Amino acid sequence: MLKKELPHALRNLQKGNIAPVDLAQAAIGPGMAVFSRFKKVLETDGSPMRVRTSLSLINQGLDEVLSELESEFDPDTRWALAWFEQHQFNEGHYGEAEVLATAKALSISHLAEAGILHSRAGKVRLLRREELAEEWNPSTAARLTVWEVTQQLIRCLDQKGEKETANLKAKIGGMAEIARDLAYRLYTLCERKGWAEEAGYYYNSLVVAWPSMASEAFELK
């Protein structure tokens, strides 16, 4: 029952734009509601299930839902997400990057052309936000990736504020919503890696600002 109902509840929470920092706590309510329908919930050995185990199962369900979001992402973004999990924006070995790219039917040159990585002297790293094209226009970009869209939205929000980011979001169109899903996924990943600033300041902030950027108060260009 939990596997059936929790994903729907979590997606509703995301549609309601709950902050990533609050998502795990908010998931407890609908998760425990499933368990509370039964007079007894038992462990595999027949003993009563402890609250700690219930919470662990709810957290596991949350992980599964956020991992399933990756099916929305383009191959370049899935590569970037996997690389980021291991290296963040730091360098790694070219051979490691190539193996990961080959597994996703990509090449390092393809990813470089997409404008998301830097490759030099046997080392590879994701481009940092400050290295991305400053006058970036999604309508003229050679190839849009959810990864770059998300990082460009964060960069714009950090440097120019919500109004300019709302303008950029409008130009991006439907892919912006998938970028928000990536922000949720990246927040959870960063939190568990202990990358607090990257998690809270950037990915959480983007989601928290989302309703304001959708407001009609902004006069879109």
N, C-alpha and C. Protein backbone atom coordinates (compact mmCIF):
# COMPACT_ATOMS: atom_id res chain seq x y z
N MET A 1 0.82 -1.21 0.00
CA MET A 1 0.00 0.00 0.00
C MET A 1 0.86 1.27 0.00
N LEU A 2 1.95 1.23 0.79
CA LEU A 2 2.82 2.40 0.86
C LEU A 2 3.41 2.72 -0.50
N LYS A 3 3.91 1.70 -1.21
CA LYS A 3 4.51 1.90 -2.53
C LYS A 3 3.50 2.41 -3.54
N LYS A 4 2.24 2.08 -3.31
CA LYS A 4 1.19 2.50 -4.24
C LYS A 4 0.74 3.94 -3.97
N GLU A 5 0.61 4.32 -2.71
CA GLU A 5 0.00 5.59 -2.35
C GLU A 5 0.99 6.72 -2.10
N LEU A 6 2.16 6.40 -1.57
CA LEU A 6 3.10 7.45 -1.22
C LEU A 6 3.58 8.26 -2.43
N PRO A 7 3.89 7.63 -3.57
CA PRO A 7 4.34 8.43 -4.72
C PRO A 7 3.32 9.49 -5.13
N HIS A 8 2.04 9.13 -5.12
CA HIS A 8 1.00 10.10 -5.49
C HIS A 8 0.97 11.25 -4.49
N ALA A 9 1.07 10.93 -3.20
CA ALA A 9 1.05 11.96 -2.16
C ALA A 9 2.25 12.89 -2.29
N LEU A 10 3.40 12.33 -2.57
CA LEU A 10 4.61 13.13 -2.70
C LEU A 10 4.56 14.04 -3.92
N ARG A 11 4.02 13.53 -5.01
CA ARG A 11 3.90 14.36 -6.21
C ARG A 11 2.94 15.52 -5.96
N ASN A 12 1.89 15.28 -5.17
CA ASN A 12 0.98 16.37 -4.82
C ASN A 12 1.69 17.42 -3.97
N LEU A 13 2.56 16.97 -3.07
CA LEU A 13 3.32 17.91 -2.26
C LEU A 13 4.23 18.77 -3.15
N GLN A 14 4.84 18.14 -4.13
CA GLN A 14 5.71 18.88 -5.05
C GLN A 14 4.90 19.85 -5.90
N LYS A 15 3.73 19.42 -6.36
CA LYS A 15 2.88 20.32 -7.14
C LYS A 15 2.46 21.52 -6.30
N GLY A 16 2.34 21.31 -4.99
CA GLY A 16 2.03 22.40 -4.09
C GLY A 16 3.24 23.25 -3.76
N ASN A 17 4.36 22.92 -4.36
CA ASN A 17 5.61 23.67 -4.24
C ASN A 17 6.17 23.67 -2.82
N ILE A 18 6.04 22.55 -2.15
CA ILE A 18 6.66 22.46 -0.84
C ILE A 18 8.17 22.58 -1.00
N ALA A 19 8.81 23.28 -0.08
CA ALA A 19 10.26 23.47 -0.15
C ALA A 19 10.96 22.13 -0.02
N PRO A 20 12.00 21.89 -0.79
CA PRO A 20 12.75 20.62 -0.67
C PRO A 20 13.20 20.34 0.76
N VAL A 21 13.55 21.39 1.50
CA VAL A 21 14.03 21.20 2.87
C VAL A 21 12.94 20.62 3.76
N ASP A 22 11.67 20.79 3.38
CA ASP A 22 10.55 20.31 4.18
C ASP A 22 9.93 19.02 3.65
N LEU A 23 10.40 18.55 2.50
CA LEU A 23 9.73 17.43 1.84
C LEU A 23 9.78 16.14 2.65
N ALA A 24 10.94 15.81 3.21
CA ALA A 24 11.06 14.57 3.98
C ALA A 24 10.14 14.58 5.19
N GLN A 25 10.06 15.72 5.88
CA GLN A 25 9.19 15.83 7.05
C GLN A 25 7.72 15.74 6.62
N ALA A 26 7.38 16.39 5.52
CA ALA A 26 5.99 16.38 5.05
C ALA A 26 5.56 15.00 4.59
N ALA A 27 6.51 14.19 4.13
CA ALA A 27 6.18 12.84 3.66
C ALA A 27 5.75 11.92 4.79
N ILE A 28 6.10 12.26 6.02
CA ILE A 28 5.76 11.40 7.16
C ILE A 28 4.25 11.29 7.33
N GLY A 29 3.55 12.41 7.16
CA GLY A 29 2.09 12.41 7.35
C GLY A 29 1.37 11.39 6.48
N PRO A 30 1.46 11.51 5.15
CA PRO A 30 0.77 10.54 4.29
C PRO A 30 1.33 9.13 4.42
N GLY A 31 2.61 9.01 4.76
CA GLY A 31 3.19 7.69 4.95
C GLY A 31 2.63 6.99 6.16
N MET A 32 2.60 7.69 7.29
CA MET A 32 2.07 7.10 8.51
C MET A 32 0.57 6.87 8.41
N ALA A 33 -0.12 7.68 7.59
CA ALA A 33 -1.56 7.47 7.39
C ALA A 33 -1.84 6.10 6.79
N VAL A 34 -0.94 5.63 5.93
CA VAL A 34 -1.10 4.30 5.35
C VAL A 34 -0.99 3.23 6.44
N PHE A 35 0.03 3.34 7.28
CA PHE A 35 0.23 2.35 8.35
C PHE A 35 -0.91 2.38 9.36
N SER A 36 -1.47 3.56 9.64
CA SER A 36 -2.47 3.69 10.70
C SER A 36 -3.81 3.04 10.33
N ARG A 37 -3.98 2.67 9.08
CA ARG A 37 -5.24 2.02 8.69
C ARG A 37 -5.36 0.59 9.22
N PHE A 38 -4.23 0.04 9.59
CA PHE A 38 -4.21 -1.37 10.01
C PHE A 38 -4.08 -1.48 11.52
N LYS A 39 -4.76 -2.49 12.07
CA LYS A 39 -4.68 -2.72 13.52
C LYS A 39 -3.27 -3.11 13.92
N LYS A 40 -2.62 -3.88 13.07
CA LYS A 40 -1.26 -4.31 13.34
C LYS A 40 -0.43 -4.23 12.07
N VAL A 41 0.80 -3.78 12.22
CA VAL A 41 1.76 -3.81 11.13
C VAL A 41 2.97 -4.58 11.65
N LEU A 42 3.31 -5.64 10.96
CA LEU A 42 4.32 -6.57 11.47
C LEU A 42 5.62 -6.52 10.67
N GLU A 43 6.71 -6.80 11.36
CA GLU A 43 8.00 -6.99 10.70
C GLU A 43 7.99 -8.35 10.00
N THR A 44 9.02 -8.62 9.23
CA THR A 44 9.09 -9.90 8.52
C THR A 44 9.17 -11.09 9.48
N ASP A 45 9.65 -10.85 10.71
CA ASP A 45 9.72 -11.96 11.68
C ASP A 45 8.46 -12.10 12.52
N GLY A 46 7.44 -11.31 12.20
CA GLY A 46 6.17 -11.40 12.90
C GLY A 46 6.03 -10.49 14.10
N SER A 47 7.07 -9.78 14.47
CA SER A 47 7.00 -8.85 15.60
C SER A 47 6.38 -7.53 15.16
N PRO A 48 5.81 -6.77 16.09
CA PRO A 48 5.21 -5.48 15.74
C PRO A 48 6.26 -4.53 15.13
N MET A 49 5.87 -3.85 14.08
CA MET A 49 6.81 -2.93 13.43
C MET A 49 7.03 -1.71 14.30
N ARG A 50 8.28 -1.33 14.48
CA ARG A 50 8.63 -0.15 15.26
C ARG A 50 8.45 1.12 14.41
N VAL A 51 8.22 2.22 15.09
CA VAL A 51 8.05 3.51 14.41
C VAL A 51 9.30 3.82 13.59
N ARG A 52 10.47 3.50 14.12
CA ARG A 52 11.71 3.76 13.39
C ARG A 52 11.73 3.05 12.05
N THR A 53 11.24 1.82 12.03
CA THR A 53 11.19 1.07 10.77
C THR A 53 10.21 1.71 9.80
N SER A 54 9.06 2.15 10.33
CA SER A 54 8.07 2.81 9.48
C SER A 54 8.65 4.06 8.83
N LEU A 55 9.35 4.86 9.62
CA LEU A 55 9.96 6.08 9.08
C LEU A 55 11.03 5.76 8.05
N SER A 56 11.77 4.70 8.28
CA SER A 56 12.79 4.28 7.32
C SER A 56 12.15 3.88 5.99
N LEU A 57 11.03 3.19 6.05
CA LEU A 57 10.32 2.79 4.83
C LEU A 57 9.77 4.00 4.08
N ILE A 58 9.31 4.99 4.84
CA ILE A 58 8.80 6.22 4.21
C ILE A 58 9.94 6.96 3.52
N ASN A 59 11.09 7.06 4.17
CA ASN A 59 12.26 7.71 3.56
C ASN A 59 12.72 6.96 2.32
N GLN A 60 12.65 5.64 2.38
CA GLN A 60 13.02 4.83 1.22
C GLN A 60 12.06 5.11 0.07
N GLY A 61 10.77 5.24 0.40
CA GLY A 61 9.78 5.56 -0.64
C GLY A 61 10.04 6.91 -1.26
N LEU A 62 10.45 7.88 -0.42
CA LEU A 62 10.77 9.20 -0.94
C LEU A 62 11.95 9.12 -1.89
N ASP A 63 12.97 8.39 -1.53
CA ASP A 63 14.14 8.20 -2.41
C ASP A 63 13.72 7.62 -3.75
N GLU A 64 12.85 6.62 -3.71
CA GLU A 64 12.42 5.95 -4.94
C GLU A 64 11.65 6.91 -5.85
N VAL A 65 10.78 7.72 -5.24
CA VAL A 65 10.00 8.68 -6.04
C VAL A 65 10.93 9.69 -6.72
N LEU A 66 11.88 10.23 -5.96
CA LEU A 66 12.80 11.21 -6.53
C LEU A 66 13.71 10.59 -7.58
N SER A 67 14.08 9.34 -7.38
CA SER A 67 14.91 8.64 -8.38
C SER A 67 14.13 8.41 -9.66
N GLU A 68 12.84 8.13 -9.52
CA GLU A 68 12.00 7.90 -10.70
C GLU A 68 11.84 9.15 -11.55
N LEU A 69 12.04 10.33 -10.93
CA LEU A 69 11.97 11.57 -11.69
C LEU A 69 13.00 11.60 -12.81
N GLU A 70 14.06 10.82 -12.64
CA GLU A 70 15.15 10.85 -13.62
C GLU A 70 14.69 10.38 -15.00
N SER A 71 13.58 9.65 -15.06
CA SER A 71 13.07 9.21 -16.36
C SER A 71 12.62 10.40 -17.21
N GLU A 72 12.36 11.55 -16.55
CA GLU A 72 11.97 12.76 -17.28
C GLU A 72 13.17 13.45 -17.92
N PHE A 73 14.36 13.15 -17.43
CA PHE A 73 15.54 13.90 -17.83
C PHE A 73 16.14 13.35 -19.12
N ASP A 74 16.76 14.23 -19.89
CA ASP A 74 17.48 13.82 -21.08
C ASP A 74 18.75 13.08 -20.69
N PRO A 75 19.35 12.29 -21.60
CA PRO A 75 20.55 11.51 -21.27
C PRO A 75 21.71 12.36 -20.75
N ASP A 76 21.90 13.56 -21.32
CA ASP A 76 22.98 14.44 -20.87
C ASP A 76 22.80 14.78 -19.39
N THR A 77 21.57 15.07 -19.01
CA THR A 77 21.28 15.43 -17.63
C THR A 77 21.46 14.24 -16.70
N ARG A 78 21.08 13.07 -17.14
CA ARG A 78 21.27 11.88 -16.30
C ARG A 78 22.76 11.61 -16.09
N TRP A 79 23.56 11.85 -17.14
CA TRP A 79 25.02 11.72 -16.96
C TRP A 79 25.51 12.76 -15.96
N ALA A 80 25.09 14.00 -16.12
CA ALA A 80 25.55 15.07 -15.23
C ALA A 80 25.15 14.79 -13.78
N LEU A 81 23.97 14.27 -13.58
CA LEU A 81 23.50 13.96 -12.23
C LEU A 81 24.36 12.87 -11.60
N ALA A 82 24.66 11.83 -12.36
CA ALA A 82 25.49 10.74 -11.85
C ALA A 82 26.91 11.23 -11.56
N TRP A 83 27.46 12.07 -12.44
CA TRP A 83 28.81 12.61 -12.23
C TRP A 83 28.83 13.55 -11.03
N PHE A 84 27.82 14.39 -10.92
CA PHE A 84 27.72 15.33 -9.81
C PHE A 84 27.68 14.60 -8.47
N GLU A 85 26.98 13.48 -8.42
CA GLU A 85 26.87 12.72 -7.18
C GLU A 85 28.24 12.26 -6.70
N GLN A 86 29.14 11.98 -7.62
CA GLN A 86 30.48 11.52 -7.26
C GLN A 86 31.48 12.66 -7.07
N HIS A 87 31.34 13.72 -7.85
CA HIS A 87 32.40 14.74 -7.89
C HIS A 87 31.94 16.17 -7.65
N GLN A 88 30.63 16.38 -7.56
CA GLN A 88 30.09 17.74 -7.54
C GLN A 88 30.68 18.50 -8.73
N PHE A 89 31.27 19.67 -8.52
CA PHE A 89 31.85 20.43 -9.64
C PHE A 89 33.38 20.28 -9.69
N ASN A 90 33.89 19.27 -9.02
CA ASN A 90 35.33 19.03 -8.99
C ASN A 90 35.76 18.10 -10.13
N GLU A 91 37.06 18.05 -10.37
CA GLU A 91 37.59 17.23 -11.47
C GLU A 91 37.56 15.74 -11.14
N GLY A 92 37.41 14.95 -12.18
CA GLY A 92 37.55 13.51 -12.08
C GLY A 92 38.29 13.01 -13.30
N HIS A 93 38.63 11.74 -13.30
CA HIS A 93 39.41 11.18 -14.40
C HIS A 93 38.58 11.03 -15.68
N TYR A 94 39.19 11.34 -16.79
CA TYR A 94 38.53 11.25 -18.10
C TYR A 94 37.98 9.85 -18.32
N GLY A 95 38.78 8.83 -17.99
CA GLY A 95 38.35 7.46 -18.22
C GLY A 95 37.06 7.12 -17.49
N GLU A 96 36.94 7.59 -16.27
CA GLU A 96 35.72 7.37 -15.48
C GLU A 96 34.53 8.05 -16.14
N ALA A 97 34.74 9.28 -16.59
CA ALA A 97 33.67 10.03 -17.26
C ALA A 97 33.26 9.35 -18.56
N GLU A 98 34.24 8.82 -19.29
CA GLU A 98 33.95 8.16 -20.56
C GLU A 98 33.15 6.88 -20.36
N VAL A 99 33.50 6.10 -19.35
CA VAL A 99 32.77 4.87 -19.05
C VAL A 99 31.31 5.19 -18.73
N LEU A 100 31.11 6.22 -17.91
CA LEU A 100 29.75 6.63 -17.54
C LEU A 100 28.98 7.13 -18.76
N ALA A 101 29.66 7.88 -19.62
CA ALA A 101 29.01 8.39 -20.83
C ALA A 101 28.64 7.25 -21.78
N THR A 102 29.56 6.31 -21.96
CA THR A 102 29.29 5.17 -22.86
C THR A 102 28.09 4.36 -22.38
N ALA A 103 27.96 4.22 -21.07
CA ALA A 103 26.83 3.48 -20.49
C ALA A 103 25.50 4.15 -20.80
N LYS A 104 25.54 5.44 -21.08
CA LYS A 104 24.33 6.19 -21.38
C LYS A 104 24.25 6.54 -22.87
N ALA A 105 25.05 5.83 -23.68
CA ALA A 105 25.08 6.03 -25.13
C ALA A 105 25.45 7.47 -25.50
N LEU A 106 26.41 8.02 -24.75
CA LEU A 106 26.88 9.38 -24.99
C LEU A 106 28.39 9.35 -25.21
N SER A 107 28.96 10.50 -25.50
CA SER A 107 30.41 10.65 -25.58
C SER A 107 30.81 11.93 -24.87
N ILE A 108 32.06 12.02 -24.47
CA ILE A 108 32.53 13.22 -23.80
C ILE A 108 32.44 14.43 -24.73
N SER A 109 32.74 14.23 -25.99
CA SER A 109 32.66 15.34 -26.95
C SER A 109 31.22 15.83 -27.08
N HIS A 110 30.28 14.90 -27.08
CA HIS A 110 28.86 15.25 -27.15
C HIS A 110 28.47 16.11 -25.94
N LEU A 111 28.92 15.71 -24.75
CA LEU A 111 28.58 16.44 -23.53
C LEU A 111 29.25 17.81 -23.50
N ALA A 112 30.47 17.89 -24.05
CA ALA A 112 31.15 19.18 -24.12
C ALA A 112 30.41 20.12 -25.06
N GLU A 113 29.92 19.58 -26.17
CA GLU A 113 29.16 20.38 -27.12
C GLU A 113 27.86 20.88 -26.52
N ALA A 114 27.32 20.10 -25.59
CA ALA A 114 26.09 20.51 -24.92
C ALA A 114 26.33 21.64 -23.93
N GLY A 115 27.61 21.95 -23.67
CA GLY A 115 27.94 23.07 -22.80
C GLY A 115 27.77 22.81 -21.33
N ILE A 116 28.01 21.55 -20.91
CA ILE A 116 27.84 21.26 -19.48
C ILE A 116 29.12 20.77 -18.81
N LEU A 117 30.18 20.50 -19.59
CA LEU A 117 31.40 20.04 -18.95
C LEU A 117 32.64 20.64 -19.59
N HIS A 118 33.73 20.54 -18.85
CA HIS A 118 35.05 20.97 -19.30
C HIS A 118 35.97 19.76 -19.26
N SER A 119 36.68 19.51 -20.35
CA SER A 119 37.58 18.37 -20.44
C SER A 119 38.95 18.86 -20.88
N ARG A 120 39.98 18.50 -20.06
CA ARG A 120 41.33 18.95 -20.38
C ARG A 120 42.35 18.08 -19.64
N ALA A 121 43.40 17.70 -20.35
CA ALA A 121 44.55 16.99 -19.77
C ALA A 121 44.14 15.78 -18.95
N GLY A 122 43.22 15.00 -19.51
CA GLY A 122 42.82 13.76 -18.84
C GLY A 122 41.89 13.95 -17.67
N LYS A 123 41.38 15.17 -17.48
CA LYS A 123 40.46 15.46 -16.39
C LYS A 123 39.15 16.02 -16.95
N VAL A 124 38.09 15.74 -16.24
CA VAL A 124 36.76 16.20 -16.64
C VAL A 124 36.07 16.79 -15.42
N ARG A 125 35.32 17.84 -15.63
CA ARG A 125 34.47 18.37 -14.56
C ARG A 125 33.26 19.06 -15.16
N LEU A 126 32.20 19.12 -14.40
CA LEU A 126 31.03 19.89 -14.80
C LEU A 126 31.36 21.37 -14.77
N LEU A 127 30.83 22.11 -15.73
CA LEU A 127 31.01 23.56 -15.70
C LEU A 127 30.32 24.14 -14.48
N ARG A 128 31.00 25.03 -13.80
CA ARG A 128 30.39 25.73 -12.68
C ARG A 128 29.41 26.78 -13.22
N ARG A 129 28.47 27.17 -12.39
CA ARG A 129 27.44 28.10 -12.86
C ARG A 129 28.03 29.40 -13.41
N GLU A 130 29.09 29.90 -12.76
CA GLU A 130 29.68 31.16 -13.21
C GLU A 130 30.40 31.00 -14.55
N GLU A 131 30.60 29.77 -15.01
CA GLU A 131 31.27 29.54 -16.29
C GLU A 131 30.27 29.37 -17.43
N LEU A 132 29.01 29.26 -17.13
CA LEU A 132 28.00 29.09 -18.17
C LEU A 132 27.86 30.38 -18.97
N ALA A 133 27.34 30.25 -20.19
CA ALA A 133 27.17 31.42 -21.06
C ALA A 133 26.33 32.48 -20.35
N GLU A 134 26.88 33.69 -20.27
CA GLU A 134 26.22 34.75 -19.50
C GLU A 134 24.97 35.25 -20.20
N GLU A 135 25.05 35.49 -21.48
CA GLU A 135 23.88 35.97 -22.23
C GLU A 135 23.17 34.77 -22.88
N TRP A 136 22.78 33.84 -22.06
CA TRP A 136 22.19 32.58 -22.53
C TRP A 136 20.73 32.79 -22.91
N ASN A 137 20.36 32.29 -24.07
CA ASN A 137 18.98 32.40 -24.54
C ASN A 137 18.51 31.00 -24.94
N PRO A 138 17.53 30.43 -24.24
CA PRO A 138 17.09 29.07 -24.55
C PRO A 138 16.54 28.92 -25.96
N SER A 139 16.04 29.99 -26.54
CA SER A 139 15.46 29.89 -27.89
C SER A 139 16.52 29.75 -28.97
N THR A 140 17.77 30.11 -28.64
CA THR A 140 18.83 30.01 -29.63
C THR A 140 19.91 28.99 -29.25
N ALA A 141 19.72 28.34 -28.11
CA ALA A 141 20.69 27.33 -27.67
C ALA A 141 20.72 26.16 -28.64
N ALA A 142 21.91 25.67 -28.92
CA ALA A 142 22.06 24.56 -29.87
C ALA A 142 21.34 23.31 -29.37
N ARG A 143 21.45 23.03 -28.09
CA ARG A 143 20.78 21.86 -27.52
C ARG A 143 20.46 22.14 -26.06
N LEU A 144 19.18 22.10 -25.71
CA LEU A 144 18.77 22.34 -24.34
C LEU A 144 18.86 21.06 -23.52
N THR A 145 19.42 21.17 -22.34
CA THR A 145 19.41 20.06 -21.40
C THR A 145 18.78 20.55 -20.10
N VAL A 146 18.12 19.65 -19.41
CA VAL A 146 17.51 20.02 -18.13
C VAL A 146 18.58 20.48 -17.15
N TRP A 147 19.75 19.87 -17.22
CA TRP A 147 20.85 20.27 -16.33
C TRP A 147 21.20 21.74 -16.52
N GLU A 148 21.46 22.14 -17.77
CA GLU A 148 21.86 23.53 -18.00
C GLU A 148 20.71 24.48 -17.68
N VAL A 149 19.49 24.11 -18.04
CA VAL A 149 18.34 24.96 -17.73
C VAL A 149 18.26 25.22 -16.23
N THR A 150 18.40 24.17 -15.43
CA THR A 150 18.33 24.32 -13.97
C THR A 150 19.43 25.22 -13.45
N GLN A 151 20.66 24.99 -13.91
CA GLN A 151 21.79 25.79 -13.43
C GLN A 151 21.68 27.24 -13.90
N GLN A 152 21.15 27.46 -15.09
CA GLN A 152 20.98 28.84 -15.57
C GLN A 152 19.90 29.56 -14.77
N LEU A 153 18.83 28.86 -14.41
CA LEU A 153 17.79 29.47 -13.58
C LEU A 153 18.35 29.86 -12.21
N ILE A 154 19.15 28.97 -11.64
CA ILE A 154 19.76 29.25 -10.34
C ILE A 154 20.71 30.43 -10.44
N ARG A 155 21.52 30.44 -11.48
CA ARG A 155 22.47 31.56 -11.66
C ARG A 155 21.73 32.88 -11.81
N CYS A 156 20.66 32.88 -12.59
CA CYS A 156 19.89 34.11 -12.81
C CYS A 156 19.25 34.57 -11.50
N LEU A 157 18.69 33.64 -10.75
CA LEU A 157 18.06 33.98 -9.47
C LEU A 157 19.08 34.57 -8.51
N ASP A 158 20.25 33.98 -8.47
CA ASP A 158 21.30 34.41 -7.55
C ASP A 158 21.86 35.78 -7.92
N GLN A 159 21.99 36.03 -9.22
CA GLN A 159 22.66 37.25 -9.66
C GLN A 159 21.70 38.39 -10.01
N LYS A 160 20.49 38.04 -10.47
CA LYS A 160 19.60 39.08 -11.00
C LYS A 160 18.24 39.17 -10.30
N GLY A 161 17.91 38.16 -9.49
CA GLY A 161 16.67 38.23 -8.74
C GLY A 161 15.49 37.55 -9.43
N GLU A 162 14.35 37.60 -8.77
CA GLU A 162 13.19 36.83 -9.19
C GLU A 162 12.56 37.33 -10.49
N LYS A 163 12.53 38.65 -10.69
CA LYS A 163 11.88 39.16 -11.90
C LYS A 163 12.59 38.69 -13.16
N GLU A 164 13.91 38.83 -13.19
CA GLU A 164 14.66 38.39 -14.36
C GLU A 164 14.57 36.87 -14.53
N THR A 165 14.54 36.16 -13.42
CA THR A 165 14.42 34.70 -13.50
C THR A 165 13.04 34.29 -14.01
N ALA A 166 12.01 35.05 -13.64
CA ALA A 166 10.67 34.80 -14.18
C ALA A 166 10.65 34.99 -15.69
N ASN A 167 11.34 36.03 -16.16
CA ASN A 167 11.43 36.25 -17.60
C ASN A 167 12.12 35.08 -18.30
N LEU A 168 13.21 34.62 -17.70
CA LEU A 168 13.94 33.50 -18.28
C LEU A 168 13.10 32.23 -18.25
N LYS A 169 12.43 31.99 -17.14
CA LYS A 169 11.57 30.81 -17.00
C LYS A 169 10.48 30.79 -18.08
N ALA A 170 9.92 31.96 -18.37
CA ALA A 170 8.88 32.05 -19.40
C ALA A 170 9.44 31.68 -20.78
N LYS A 171 10.67 32.09 -21.05
CA LYS A 171 11.30 31.76 -22.33
C LYS A 171 11.60 30.27 -22.45
N ILE A 172 11.92 29.64 -21.33
CA ILE A 172 12.24 28.21 -21.33
C ILE A 172 11.02 27.36 -21.63
N GLY A 173 9.87 27.78 -21.12
CA GLY A 173 8.63 27.03 -21.38
C GLY A 173 8.50 25.80 -20.50
N GLY A 174 7.95 24.73 -21.08
CA GLY A 174 7.63 23.53 -20.31
C GLY A 174 8.80 22.85 -19.65
N MET A 175 9.99 22.99 -20.20
CA MET A 175 11.15 22.34 -19.60
C MET A 175 11.47 22.92 -18.22
N ALA A 176 10.97 24.10 -17.94
CA ALA A 176 11.24 24.71 -16.63
C ALA A 176 10.67 23.86 -15.50
N GLU A 177 9.52 23.25 -15.71
CA GLU A 177 8.92 22.41 -14.66
C GLU A 177 9.79 21.16 -14.41
N ILE A 178 10.38 20.63 -15.46
CA ILE A 178 11.26 19.48 -15.28
C ILE A 178 12.53 19.93 -14.56
N ALA A 179 12.97 21.15 -14.81
CA ALA A 179 14.12 21.70 -14.10
C ALA A 179 13.83 21.80 -12.61
N ARG A 180 12.61 22.14 -12.27
CA ARG A 180 12.25 22.20 -10.85
C ARG A 180 12.33 20.81 -10.23
N ASP A 181 11.90 19.78 -10.98
CA ASP A 181 12.03 18.41 -10.48
C ASP A 181 13.49 18.05 -10.24
N LEU A 182 14.37 18.50 -11.13
CA LEU A 182 15.80 18.25 -10.93
C LEU A 182 16.30 18.95 -9.68
N ALA A 183 15.79 20.13 -9.40
CA ALA A 183 16.19 20.85 -8.19
C ALA A 183 15.81 20.06 -6.94
N TYR A 184 14.64 19.44 -6.93
CA TYR A 184 14.25 18.58 -5.81
C TYR A 184 15.24 17.42 -5.67
N ARG A 185 15.54 16.79 -6.80
CA ARG A 185 16.44 15.63 -6.77
C ARG A 185 17.83 16.05 -6.28
N LEU A 186 18.32 17.17 -6.76
CA LEU A 186 19.65 17.62 -6.38
C LEU A 186 19.69 18.06 -4.92
N TYR A 187 18.60 18.65 -4.44
CA TYR A 187 18.58 19.04 -3.03
C TYR A 187 18.78 17.81 -2.14
N THR A 188 18.00 16.76 -2.40
CA THR A 188 18.09 15.56 -1.58
C THR A 188 19.48 14.94 -1.66
N LEU A 189 20.04 14.89 -2.87
CA LEU A 189 21.37 14.33 -3.05
C LEU A 189 22.40 15.13 -2.25
N CYS A 190 22.35 16.46 -2.36
CA CYS A 190 23.32 17.31 -1.67
C CYS A 190 23.16 17.22 -0.15
N GLU A 191 21.93 17.14 0.31
CA GLU A 191 21.70 17.05 1.75
C GLU A 191 22.36 15.80 2.32
N ARG A 192 22.22 14.70 1.62
CA ARG A 192 22.77 13.44 2.12
C ARG A 192 24.28 13.36 1.95
N LYS A 193 24.82 14.17 1.05
CA LYS A 193 26.27 14.24 0.90
C LYS A 193 26.90 15.24 1.88
N GLY A 194 26.07 16.00 2.55
CA GLY A 194 26.59 17.01 3.47
C GLY A 194 26.99 18.30 2.78
N TRP A 195 26.48 18.53 1.56
CA TRP A 195 26.80 19.74 0.81
C TRP A 195 25.72 20.77 1.12
N ALA A 196 25.74 21.31 2.31
CA ALA A 196 24.64 22.13 2.82
C ALA A 196 24.40 23.39 2.00
N GLU A 197 25.46 24.11 1.64
CA GLU A 197 25.26 25.36 0.90
C GLU A 197 24.67 25.10 -0.48
N GLU A 198 25.21 24.10 -1.17
CA GLU A 198 24.70 23.77 -2.50
C GLU A 198 23.24 23.35 -2.42
N ALA A 199 22.89 22.60 -1.37
CA ALA A 199 21.52 22.11 -1.21
C ALA A 199 20.55 23.25 -0.91
N GLY A 200 20.84 23.99 0.15
CA GLY A 200 19.88 24.97 0.64
C GLY A 200 19.88 26.27 -0.10
N TYR A 201 21.07 26.82 -0.31
CA TYR A 201 21.15 28.15 -0.91
C TYR A 201 20.72 28.13 -2.37
N TYR A 202 21.03 27.06 -3.08
CA TYR A 202 20.76 27.05 -4.51
C TYR A 202 19.49 26.27 -4.87
N TYR A 203 19.44 24.97 -4.58
CA TYR A 203 18.32 24.16 -5.06
C TYR A 203 17.04 24.43 -4.26
N ASN A 204 17.16 24.54 -2.95
CA ASN A 204 15.98 24.87 -2.15
C ASN A 204 15.46 26.27 -2.51
N SER A 205 16.38 27.21 -2.68
CA SER A 205 15.99 28.59 -2.98
C SER A 205 15.24 28.68 -4.31
N LEU A 206 15.66 27.91 -5.29
CA LEU A 206 14.99 27.95 -6.59
C LEU A 206 13.54 27.50 -6.46
N VAL A 207 13.31 26.40 -5.75
CA VAL A 207 11.94 25.90 -5.60
C VAL A 207 11.10 26.87 -4.77
N VAL A 208 11.67 27.42 -3.70
CA VAL A 208 10.93 28.35 -2.85
C VAL A 208 10.49 29.59 -3.64
N ALA A 209 11.33 30.03 -4.57
CA ALA A 209 11.01 31.22 -5.36
C ALA A 209 10.02 30.95 -6.49
N TRP A 210 9.74 29.68 -6.77
CA TRP A 210 8.94 29.31 -7.94
C TRP A 210 7.58 30.00 -7.99
N PRO A 211 6.78 30.00 -6.91
CA PRO A 211 5.47 30.64 -6.99
C PRO A 211 5.56 32.13 -7.30
N SER A 212 6.55 32.80 -6.75
CA SER A 212 6.72 34.23 -7.02
C SER A 212 7.05 34.47 -8.49
N MET A 213 7.83 33.55 -9.06
CA MET A 213 8.21 33.71 -10.47
C MET A 213 7.06 33.41 -11.41
N ALA A 214 6.02 32.75 -10.90
CA ALA A 214 4.85 32.47 -11.71
C ALA A 214 3.78 33.55 -11.55
N SER A 215 4.04 34.51 -10.66
CA SER A 215 3.05 35.53 -10.34
C SER A 215 2.81 36.46 -11.52
N GLU A 216 1.58 36.87 -11.67
CA GLU A 216 1.24 37.84 -12.72
C GLU A 216 1.77 39.23 -12.39
N ALA A 217 2.33 39.36 -11.18
CA ALA A 217 2.90 40.66 -10.81
C ALA A 217 4.11 40.99 -11.65
N PHE A 218 4.72 39.93 -12.23
CA PHE A 218 5.89 40.17 -13.08
C PHE A 218 5.41 40.47 -14.50
N GLU A 219 5.90 41.54 -15.05
CA GLU A 219 5.59 41.88 -16.43
C GLU A 219 6.65 41.24 -17.30
N LEU A 220 6.31 40.10 -17.91
CA LEU A 220 7.29 39.35 -18.67
C LEU A 220 7.64 40.09 -19.95
N LYS A 221 8.93 39.99 -20.27
CA LYS A 221 9.41 40.65 -21.49
C LYS A 221 9.06 39.81 -22.70
